[in-house]
Structures are given as structure tokens and as C-alpha cells.
Protein backbone atom coordinates (compact mmCIF):
# COMPACT_ATOMS: atom_id res chain seq x y z
CA MET A 1 107.45 -51.37 191.09
CA LEU A 2 107.68 -54.67 192.91
CA THR A 3 107.95 -54.49 196.69
CA ILE A 4 108.23 -56.99 199.54
CA ASN A 5 104.65 -56.16 200.51
CA ARG A 6 103.47 -56.89 196.96
CA CYS A 7 105.15 -60.32 197.06
CA LEU A 8 103.48 -61.12 200.38
CA GLU A 9 100.11 -59.80 199.21
CA LEU A 10 100.26 -61.92 196.07
CA LEU A 11 100.86 -65.08 198.10
CA HIS A 12 98.21 -64.11 200.63
CA ASP A 13 95.56 -63.04 198.10
CA ARG A 14 96.07 -65.70 195.40
CA GLY A 15 97.72 -68.50 197.37
CA ASP A 16 94.50 -70.34 198.20
CA SER A 17 94.39 -71.79 194.68
CA GLU A 18 95.14 -75.44 194.08
CA TYR A 19 98.78 -76.38 193.66
CA GLY A 20 98.60 -78.29 190.38
CA GLY A 21 96.70 -81.38 191.50
CA GLU A 22 98.65 -81.74 194.74
CA PRO A 23 96.89 -81.98 198.13
CA VAL A 24 98.02 -78.47 199.19
CA THR A 25 97.35 -74.89 198.13
CA GLN A 26 99.91 -72.64 196.49
CA LEU A 27 100.43 -70.83 199.81
CA GLU A 28 100.79 -74.04 201.82
CA HIS A 29 103.35 -75.28 199.30
CA ALA A 30 105.31 -72.01 199.41
CA LEU A 31 105.35 -71.94 203.22
CA GLN A 32 106.42 -75.57 203.48
CA CYS A 33 109.20 -75.04 200.94
CA ALA A 34 110.49 -71.97 202.81
CA MET A 35 110.27 -73.82 206.13
CA LEU A 36 112.38 -76.67 204.72
CA ALA A 37 114.96 -74.19 203.46
CA GLU A 38 115.06 -72.40 206.78
CA GLY A 39 115.33 -75.74 208.58
CA GLU A 40 118.47 -76.51 206.57
CA HIS A 41 119.94 -73.10 207.47
CA ALA A 42 119.84 -71.89 203.88
CA SER A 43 120.83 -68.31 203.12
CA PRO A 44 118.15 -65.59 203.19
CA THR A 45 118.32 -65.46 199.40
CA LEU A 46 117.65 -69.17 199.06
CA ILE A 47 114.85 -69.04 201.65
CA ALA A 48 113.32 -66.20 199.61
CA ALA A 49 113.68 -68.29 196.44
CA ALA A 50 112.02 -71.24 198.20
CA LEU A 51 109.09 -69.10 199.30
CA LEU A 52 108.66 -67.45 195.89
CA HIS A 53 109.73 -70.20 193.48
CA ASP A 54 106.20 -70.81 192.16
CA VAL A 55 105.01 -67.19 192.11
CA GLY A 56 104.67 -67.49 188.34
CA HIS A 57 101.67 -69.79 188.91
CA LEU A 58 99.95 -66.85 190.61
CA LEU A 59 100.66 -64.42 187.79
CA HIS A 60 99.17 -66.12 184.74
CA GLY A 61 95.49 -66.46 183.96
CA LEU A 62 95.51 -70.17 183.16
CA PRO A 63 93.22 -72.63 184.95
CA ASP A 64 94.57 -74.75 187.83
CA ASP A 65 94.35 -77.85 185.64
CA ALA A 66 96.38 -76.37 182.75
CA PRO A 67 98.93 -79.25 182.87
CA ASP A 68 96.09 -81.77 182.53
CA GLN A 69 95.10 -79.89 179.37
CA GLY A 70 98.63 -80.25 178.00
CA ILE A 71 99.64 -76.66 178.75
CA ASP A 72 103.01 -75.76 180.27
CA ASP A 73 102.53 -72.43 181.99
CA ALA A 74 106.29 -71.63 181.93
CA HIS A 75 105.82 -70.38 185.50
CA GLU A 76 109.55 -70.43 186.18
CA GLU A 77 110.21 -67.86 183.43
CA LEU A 78 107.22 -65.72 184.38
CA GLY A 79 108.28 -65.77 188.03
CA CYS A 80 111.87 -64.97 187.11
CA ARG A 81 110.87 -61.84 185.15
CA PHE A 82 108.57 -60.72 187.98
CA LEU A 83 111.11 -61.27 190.78
CA ARG A 84 114.01 -59.69 188.88
CA GLN A 85 112.39 -56.29 189.59
CA LEU A 86 113.37 -56.63 193.25
CA PHE A 87 115.87 -59.44 193.71
CA GLY A 88 119.27 -60.38 192.35
CA ASP A 89 120.48 -63.60 190.78
CA ALA A 90 120.86 -65.43 194.12
CA VAL A 91 117.04 -65.43 194.37
CA VAL A 92 115.98 -65.27 190.73
CA GLU A 93 118.23 -67.92 189.20
CA PRO A 94 117.21 -70.80 191.53
CA VAL A 95 113.59 -69.85 190.78
CA ARG A 96 114.28 -69.91 187.03
CA LEU A 97 116.22 -73.16 187.28
CA HIS A 98 113.95 -75.19 189.57
CA VAL A 99 112.13 -76.70 186.57
CA PRO A 100 115.35 -77.64 184.73
CA ALA A 101 116.55 -79.09 188.07
CA LYS A 102 113.65 -81.56 187.99
CA ARG A 103 114.57 -82.53 184.44
CA TYR A 104 118.22 -82.89 185.51
CA LEU A 105 117.52 -84.98 188.61
CA SER A 106 115.13 -87.19 186.64
CA ALA A 107 117.86 -87.92 184.09
CA LYS A 108 120.72 -88.37 186.55
CA TYR A 109 118.88 -90.39 189.18
CA PRO A 110 116.18 -92.83 187.96
CA GLU A 111 115.08 -93.31 191.59
CA TYR A 112 114.34 -89.57 191.77
CA ARG A 113 111.94 -89.76 188.84
CA ALA A 114 110.28 -92.83 190.34
CA GLN A 115 109.38 -90.90 193.51
CA LEU A 116 107.78 -87.92 191.73
CA SER A 117 104.09 -87.37 192.36
CA GLY A 118 101.64 -87.95 189.50
CA PRO A 119 101.20 -84.22 188.80
CA SER A 120 105.00 -83.76 188.79
CA VAL A 121 105.41 -86.52 186.22
CA VAL A 122 102.80 -84.84 184.00
CA SER A 123 104.51 -81.46 184.28
CA LEU A 124 107.96 -83.03 183.72
CA GLU A 125 106.85 -84.22 180.30
CA LEU A 126 105.33 -80.82 179.45
CA GLN A 127 108.56 -79.12 180.54
CA GLY A 128 110.76 -81.12 178.17
CA GLY A 129 111.19 -84.50 179.88
CA VAL A 130 114.49 -85.79 181.19
CA MET A 131 117.65 -83.98 180.11
CA SER A 132 120.11 -85.37 177.62
CA ASN A 133 123.73 -85.92 178.71
CA GLU A 134 124.70 -82.68 176.96
CA GLU A 135 121.95 -80.74 178.75
CA MET A 136 123.03 -82.23 182.09
CA ASP A 137 126.65 -81.20 181.52
CA ALA A 138 125.60 -77.65 180.64
CA PHE A 139 123.23 -77.46 183.63
CA GLU A 140 125.99 -78.56 186.04
CA ARG A 141 128.14 -75.63 184.86
CA LEU A 142 125.57 -72.96 185.70
CA PRO A 143 126.47 -70.67 188.63
CA HIS A 144 123.28 -71.44 190.61
CA PHE A 145 123.08 -75.14 189.77
CA GLU A 146 123.53 -76.37 193.37
CA ASP A 147 120.96 -73.95 194.80
CA ALA A 148 118.46 -74.94 192.11
CA VAL A 149 118.89 -78.62 193.01
CA ARG A 150 118.44 -77.86 196.72
CA LEU A 151 115.31 -75.85 195.92
CA ARG A 152 114.00 -78.70 193.77
CA HIS A 153 114.28 -81.17 196.65
CA TRP A 154 112.38 -78.83 198.98
CA ASP A 155 109.82 -78.25 196.23
CA ASP A 156 109.22 -81.99 195.91
CA ALA A 157 108.87 -82.46 199.67
CA ALA A 158 106.57 -79.48 200.30
CA LYS A 159 103.26 -81.18 199.56
CA ILE A 160 102.03 -82.38 202.95
CA PRO A 161 98.37 -81.57 203.72
CA GLU A 162 97.77 -79.52 206.87
CA LEU A 163 101.45 -79.39 207.86
CA PRO A 164 101.96 -76.62 210.46
CA THR A 165 104.30 -73.89 209.22
CA PRO A 166 105.28 -70.43 210.38
CA PRO A 167 102.94 -67.73 209.02
CA LEU A 168 103.71 -65.89 205.81
CA GLU A 169 104.82 -62.78 207.72
CA HIS A 170 107.61 -64.81 209.35
CA TYR A 171 109.41 -64.89 205.99
CA ALA A 172 109.27 -61.13 205.40
CA GLN A 173 112.62 -60.75 207.16
CA HIS A 174 114.27 -63.10 204.64
CA LEU A 175 112.70 -61.27 201.70
CA ILE A 176 113.90 -57.91 203.04
CA GLN A 177 117.42 -59.22 203.56
CA ALA A 178 117.47 -60.91 200.14
CA ALA A 179 116.29 -57.72 198.41
CA SER A 180 118.96 -55.69 200.21
CA LEU A 181 121.62 -57.97 198.69
CA ALA A 182 120.44 -57.34 195.13
CA PRO A 183 122.69 -55.28 192.89
CA PRO A 184 121.55 -51.61 192.72
CA HIS A 185 120.11 -51.94 189.19
CA HIS A 186 117.58 -54.51 190.46
CA VAL A 187 116.25 -52.48 193.40
């Protein structure tokens, strides 16, 4: 059974791996993303989603350079299934939708796509490329669309080498609160 401690241990124990060609580790990226969410006074559920949005990268056995080999690790789906054991939709759906949010933003705002890092452009193509107008319309109707877009912006910004952040344990309170808000069948 998934617990808050297991989530923290996973980030602590496996978070020193490279974050897909970016100049930060998985843990540094997660902490920066959560710090940005907290700085914008996001809800505990969205802060938890920000911290855990890339947990799927820590669960598969693929090499760090899988995207360079043309492999999409589907980390958003893997992370979603893992997190659904403990959290409700307010955490899980932004995690699941943060990849489609990149596809959406890339289609809707050409300037967004132009500012993506090299590794993000590579993964965008592996993840389906920019959305069609029909896909964008459907995405905008999803219940957690706005939170997924907010998470995507934090995700894109959370790649600064050696940026000071609060320690991992600081975010335990948000995870606990987010888990307590999950419907009973998820706990």
C-alpha cells in the first residue's frame, strides 16, 4: 500500500538520477516545481501534484536517455496509476494531464513551444506533438484542465541548477493534507 513515507522515500532514494537531459536531478526538479506551486499559494493538492508529477520517471526501468533513443516512457500514466493508491483526482489528474498540457500549450501558443528546452521539444514529439484543434477543445473541457496548465508552467520553469529550495520533508505536510482529502476508496 502506498504511503506518504513511500512517496518521500522514492524521491529521496531515486531522485538523484538525471532529469531527462536537463541540468537538474529528478529531486531538484520536483522540489523546484513544488516550491513554485507553494509560492503561488496553490492548494495542498496541487502542491502535492507539483512535487510528484514526474514520479513515473522513478518507477520504470528505462535508461535516463530513453527519449534520445526514441522511447516515450509514458511516465504520466505510470505516475497516475501509482499515485491513485493514495490520492484523489485533485492530485492525480494534474499529474496525468501535465504531458497533454504541454501538447496543448504548444498548439495554442507558438511562443510557448519556442521557449521549450531541447529535451522538452524531443519529448513533445514522442508524446504526440502539438494538439489538433479538436484535441484542444476536448482538453479545455476536462475538469482539471486549469490545474494541469498551471502545473505545466511550473514544470517548465523548474530546471535551474543549484537553486535553493526547502528540503523534501517540508512538503510532507502538503502530501498528508492532500491524501486526507482523497475519497475513502483511494485511501
